[in-house]
C-alpha atoms as a PDB file:
ATOM      1  CA  MET A   1      59.687  83.184 -44.913  1.00  0.00           C
ATOM      2  CA  ALA A   2      58.120  86.579 -46.623  1.00  0.00           C
ATOM      3  CA  ALA A   3      57.043  89.048 -43.941  1.00  0.00           C
ATOM      4  CA  GLN A   4      54.220  91.633 -45.144  1.00  0.00           C
ATOM      5  CA  ALA A   5      52.544  94.819 -43.660  1.00  0.00           C
ATOM      6  CA  GLN A   6      50.748  97.338 -45.364  1.00  0.00           C
ATOM      7  CA  VAL A   7      51.755 100.538 -45.111  1.00  0.00           C
ATOM      8  CA  TRP A   8      50.462 103.375 -45.894  1.00  0.00           C
ATOM      9  CA  ARG A   9      51.586 107.264 -46.858  1.00  0.00           C
ATOM     10  CA  CYS A  10      49.816 110.095 -45.377  1.00  0.00           C
ATOM     11  CA  GLU A  11      49.887 113.530 -46.510  1.00  0.00           C
ATOM     12  CA  SER A  12      48.488 116.383 -44.547  1.00  0.00           C
ATOM     13  CA  PRO A  13      46.661 119.141 -46.026  1.00  0.00           C
ATOM     14  CA  GLY A  14      49.775 121.494 -44.871  1.00  0.00           C
ATOM     15  CA  GLY A  15      52.391 119.309 -46.932  1.00  0.00           C
ATOM     16  CA  GLY A  16      53.535 117.037 -43.783  1.00  0.00           C
ATOM     17  CA  VAL A  17      54.170 113.790 -44.943  1.00  0.00           C
ATOM     18  CA  GLU A  18      53.891 110.673 -42.300  1.00  0.00           C
ATOM     19  CA  TYR A  19      54.055 107.098 -43.038  1.00  0.00           C
ATOM     20  CA  SER A  20      52.417 104.702 -41.004  1.00  0.00           C
ATOM     21  CA  ASN A  21      50.630 101.169 -40.560  1.00  0.00           C
ATOM     22  CA  ASN A  22      47.244 102.379 -40.587  1.00  0.00           C
ATOM     23  CA  ALA A  23      45.400 104.805 -43.363  1.00  0.00           C
ATOM     24  CA  SER A  24      43.296 106.656 -40.537  1.00  0.00           C
ATOM     25  CA  SER A  25      46.081 108.536 -38.882  1.00  0.00           C
ATOM     26  CA  SER A  26      45.520 111.685 -39.013  1.00  0.00           C
ATOM     27  CA  ARG A  27      41.481 113.072 -40.082  1.00  0.00           C
ATOM     28  CA  ASP A  28      42.886 115.193 -42.136  1.00  0.00           C
ATOM     29  CA  ALA A  29      45.473 113.275 -44.284  1.00  0.00           C
ATOM     30  CA  ARG A  30      45.302 112.201 -47.031  1.00  0.00           C
ATOM     31  CA  CYS A  31      46.908 108.323 -47.195  1.00  0.00           C
ATOM     32  CA  ARG A  32      47.363 106.150 -50.144  1.00  0.00           C
ATOM     33  CA  ALA A  33      48.884 102.527 -49.389  1.00  0.00           C
ATOM     34  CA  VAL A  34      52.533 102.419 -50.429  1.00  0.00           C
ATOM     35  CA  ASP A  35      53.271  99.096 -52.800  1.00  0.00           C
ATOM     36  CA  LEU A  36      56.708  97.652 -51.466  1.00  0.00           C
ATOM     37  CA  PRO A  37      58.551  94.701 -52.401  1.00  0.00           C
ATOM     38  CA  ASN A  38      58.300  91.394 -50.568  1.00  0.00           C
ATOM     39  CA  LEU A  39      60.744  91.464 -47.645  1.00  0.00           C
ATOM     40  CA  THR A  40      62.286  88.036 -47.062  1.00  0.00           C
ATOM     41  CA  THR A  41      63.490  87.228 -43.374  1.00  0.00           C
ATOM     42  CA  ILE A  42      65.657  84.243 -42.669  1.00  0.00           C
ATOM     43  CA  PRO A  43      65.551  82.367 -39.233  1.00  0.00           C
ATOM     44  CA  VAL A  44      68.403  82.656 -36.955  1.00  0.00           C
ATOM     45  CA  PRO A  45      69.764  79.168 -36.909  1.00  0.00           C
ATOM     46  CA  LYS A  46      69.224  76.945 -33.397  1.00  0.00           C
ATOM     47  CA  LEU A  47      72.521  76.301 -31.246  1.00  0.00           C
ATOM     48  CA  PRO A  48      73.517  73.238 -30.311  1.00  0.00           C
ATOM     49  CA  ALA A  49      72.118  71.600 -26.970  1.00  0.00           C
ATOM     50  CA  GLN A  50      74.508  72.657 -23.988  1.00  0.00           C
ATOM     51  CA  SER A  51      75.430  70.810 -21.576  1.00  0.00           C
ATOM     52  CA  GLY A  52      74.226  71.048 -17.955  1.00  0.00           C
ATOM     53  CA  ALA A  53      78.118  72.536 -17.027  1.00  0.00           C
ATOM     54  CA  ALA A  54      77.627  75.414 -19.669  1.00  0.00           C
ATOM     55  CA  LYS A  55      74.142  76.562 -19.065  1.00  0.00           C
ATOM     56  CA  GLY A  56      75.160  76.835 -15.288  1.00  0.00           C
ATOM     57  CA  GLY A  57      77.400  80.198 -16.174  1.00  0.00           C
ATOM     58  CA  ALA A  58      80.577  78.317 -17.757  1.00  0.00           C
ATOM     59  CA  ALA A  59      81.420  78.718 -21.021  1.00  0.00           C
ATOM     60  CA  ALA A  60      79.638  77.677 -24.073  1.00  0.00           C
ATOM     61  CA  THR A  61      82.309  76.248 -26.140  1.00  0.00           C
ATOM     62  CA  PRO A  62      84.931  75.391 -24.226  1.00  0.00           C
ATOM     63  CA  THR A  63      88.480  75.440 -25.099  1.00  0.00           C
ATOM     64  CA  PRO A  64      89.661  72.353 -27.270  1.00  0.00           C
ATOM     65  CA  ALA A  65      92.319  70.182 -25.204  1.00  0.00           C
ATOM     66  CA  GLY A  66      94.887  71.011 -28.235  1.00  0.00           C
ATOM     67  CA  PHE A  67      94.120  74.310 -28.431  1.00  0.00           C
ATOM     68  CA  PRO A  68      98.045  76.189 -28.342  1.00  0.00           C
ATOM     69  CA  ARG A  69      98.536  78.212 -25.160  1.00  0.00           C
ATOM     70  CA  VAL A  70     101.031  81.072 -24.671  1.00  0.00           C
ATOM     71  CA  ASP A  71     102.809  80.627 -21.523  1.00  0.00           C
ATOM     72  CA  ALA A  72     102.265  83.577 -18.600  1.00  0.00           C
ATOM     73  CA  GLY A  73     105.894  84.907 -19.197  1.00  0.00           C
ATOM     74  CA  ALA A  74     105.425  85.148 -23.247  1.00  0.00           C
ATOM     75  CA  GLN A  75     102.269  86.597 -22.661  1.00  0.00           C
ATOM     76  CA  ARG A  76     103.641  89.801 -20.187  1.00  0.00           C
ATOM     77  CA  SER A  77     106.098  90.186 -22.718  1.00  0.00           C
ATOM     78  CA  ARG A  78     103.380  90.860 -25.335  1.00  0.00           C
ATOM     79  CA  ASP A  79     101.962  93.065 -23.218  1.00  0.00           C
ATOM     80  CA  LEU A  80     104.810  95.018 -22.102  1.00  0.00           C
ATOM     81  CA  ASP A  81     105.359  95.504 -25.965  1.00  0.00           C
ATOM     82  CA  ARG A  82     101.669  96.693 -26.593  1.00  0.00           C
ATOM     83  CA  ARG A  83     102.339  98.958 -23.797  1.00  0.00           C
ATOM     84  CA  ARG A  84     105.498 100.668 -24.937  1.00  0.00           C
ATOM     85  CA  ILE A  85     103.978 101.316 -28.594  1.00  0.00           C
ATOM     86  CA  LEU A  86     101.073 102.762 -27.057  1.00  0.00           C
ATOM     87  CA  GLU A  87     103.137 105.114 -24.889  1.00  0.00           C
ATOM     88  CA  ASP A  88     105.463 106.031 -27.698  1.00  0.00           C
ATOM     89  CA  GLU A  89     102.415 106.911 -30.475  1.00  0.00           C
ATOM     90  CA  LEU A  90     100.687 109.013 -27.217  1.00  0.00           C
ATOM     91  CA  ARG A  91     103.798 110.718 -26.924  1.00  0.00           C
ATOM     92  CA  LYS A  92     103.966 111.435 -30.782  1.00  0.00           C
ATOM     93  CA  GLU A  93     100.040 112.442 -30.982  1.00  0.00           C
ATOM     94  CA  GLU A  94     100.617 114.774 -27.880  1.00  0.00           C
ATOM     95  CA  ALA A  95     103.845 116.372 -29.396  1.00  0.00           C
ATOM     96  CA  ARG A  96     101.479 116.674 -33.216  1.00  0.00           C
ATOM     97  CA  LEU A  97      98.284 118.501 -30.695  1.00  0.00           C
ATOM     98  CA  GLY A  98     100.997 120.361 -29.155  1.00  0.00           C
ATOM     99  CA  GLU A  99     102.391 121.514 -32.534  1.00  0.00           C
ATOM    100  CA  LEU A 100      98.988 122.135 -33.918  1.00  0.00           C
ATOM    101  CA  ARG A 101      97.722 124.369 -30.890  1.00  0.00           C
ATOM    102  CA  ALA A 102     100.781 126.382 -31.624  1.00  0.00           C
ATOM    103  CA  GLU A 103     100.018 127.246 -35.007  1.00  0.00           C
ATOM    104  CA  PHE A 104      96.397 127.737 -34.437  1.00  0.00           C
ATOM    105  CA  ASN A 105      97.321 130.475 -32.471  1.00  0.00           C
ATOM    106  CA  GLY A 106      93.707 130.662 -30.142  1.00  0.00           C
ATOM    107  CA  GLY A 107      91.855 131.022 -33.587  1.00  0.00           C
ATOM    108  CA  GLU A 108      94.390 133.351 -34.710  1.00  0.00           C
ATOM    109  CA  PRO A 109      96.877 131.531 -36.768  1.00  0.00           C
ATOM    110  CA  GLU A 110      99.383 133.597 -38.312  1.00  0.00           C
ATOM    111  CA  ARG A 111      98.632 134.634 -42.491  1.00  0.00           C
ATOM    112  CA  ARG A 112     101.383 133.328 -44.489  1.00  0.00           C
ATOM    113  CA  GLY A 113     102.421 135.228 -47.374  1.00  0.00           C
ATOM    114  CA  ASP A 114     100.960 132.398 -50.043  1.00  0.00           C
ATOM    115  CA  GLU A 115      97.422 133.417 -48.605  1.00  0.00           C
ATOM    116  CA  ARG A 116      96.868 136.387 -49.698  1.00  0.00           C
ATOM    117  CA  ASN A 117      93.077 135.031 -50.639  1.00  0.00           C
ATOM    118  CA  TYR A 118      91.631 135.767 -47.645  1.00  0.00           C
ATOM    119  CA  GLN A 119      89.196 132.230 -48.019  1.00  0.00           C
ATOM    120  CA  ARG A 120      92.547 130.406 -48.172  1.00  0.00           C
ATOM    121  CA  TYR A 121      93.415 131.432 -44.420  1.00  0.00           C
ATOM    122  CA  LEU A 122      90.058 130.406 -43.918  1.00  0.00           C
ATOM    123  CA  ASP A 123      90.474 127.147 -45.342  1.00  0.00           C
ATOM    124  CA  ARG A 124      93.563 126.437 -43.773  1.00  0.00           C
ATOM    125  CA  VAL A 125      91.888 127.452 -40.184  1.00  0.00           C
ATOM    126  CA  GLN A 126      89.577 125.071 -40.798  1.00  0.00           C
ATOM    127  CA  ARG A 127      91.669 122.393 -41.769  1.00  0.00           C
ATOM    128  CA  LEU A 128      93.839 123.122 -38.211  1.00  0.00           C
ATOM    129  CA  LYS A 129      90.482 123.315 -36.607  1.00  0.00           C
ATOM    130  CA  ASP A 130      89.394 119.972 -38.024  1.00  0.00           C
ATOM    131  CA  ASP A 131      93.426 118.274 -37.595  1.00  0.00           C
ATOM    132  CA  ILE A 132      93.161 119.568 -33.342  1.00  0.00           C
ATOM    133  CA  ALA A 133      89.862 118.177 -33.426  1.00  0.00           C
ATOM    134  CA  ARG A 134      91.012 114.601 -34.742  1.00  0.00           C
ATOM    135  CA  SER A 135      94.147 114.615 -32.732  1.00  0.00           C
ATOM    136  CA  GLU A 136      92.319 115.441 -29.387  1.00  0.00           C
ATOM    137  CA  SER A 137      90.393 111.515 -30.163  1.00  0.00           C
ATOM    138  CA  SER A 138      93.228 109.931 -30.958  1.00  0.00           C
ATOM    139  CA  VAL A 139      94.786 110.900 -27.452  1.00  0.00           C
ATOM    140  CA  ALA A 140      91.699 110.167 -25.739  1.00  0.00           C
ATOM    141  CA  SER A 141      91.396 107.042 -28.093  1.00  0.00           C
ATOM    142  CA  LEU A 142      95.153 106.064 -26.852  1.00  0.00           C
ATOM    143  CA  LYS A 143      94.300 106.762 -23.241  1.00  0.00           C
ATOM    144  CA  ARG A 144      91.427 104.794 -23.065  1.00  0.00           C
ATOM    145  CA  GLU A 145      93.384 101.608 -24.894  1.00  0.00           C
ATOM    146  CA  MET A 146      95.728 102.173 -21.784  1.00  0.00           C
ATOM    147  CA  THR A 147      93.381 102.361 -18.675  1.00  0.00           C
ATOM    148  CA  SER A 148      92.322  98.986 -20.548  1.00  0.00           C
ATOM    149  CA  LEU A 149      95.890  97.283 -20.532  1.00  0.00           C
ATOM    150  CA  ARG A 150      96.755  94.800 -17.668  1.00  0.00           C
ATOM    151  CA  ASP A 151      99.084  95.583 -15.588  1.00  0.00           C
END
């Protein structure tokens, strides 16, 4: 199925450009039609008819009878492993963040011997800022992930 619409490019006397679906969007503007290729749209396929129980709020597709299940003990073990891994990652990332902040020294890191060129120093300061921002984002993501874990 092809979708059709006319698009107009209107230029104001001041040089501003506006695209619109009608040529009279501005009285003083010079408008011309824009030639666009046809767009093809594909309709969404219809879902199969649902049973009365599924319409009442239950899952639309129930779990098949032969679908493998994980017993509660195995799932608890997996959840504990996941929590331990996330805690380890969080500790490592917090330690890295502490090191970066210490090196950043409140925005005044010490110059190194290979930074005789002041631009090299500024580049390193910027990299430190970027690394700190990335590390803070990682810490926040790990904390969010840990709050979503089941106890």
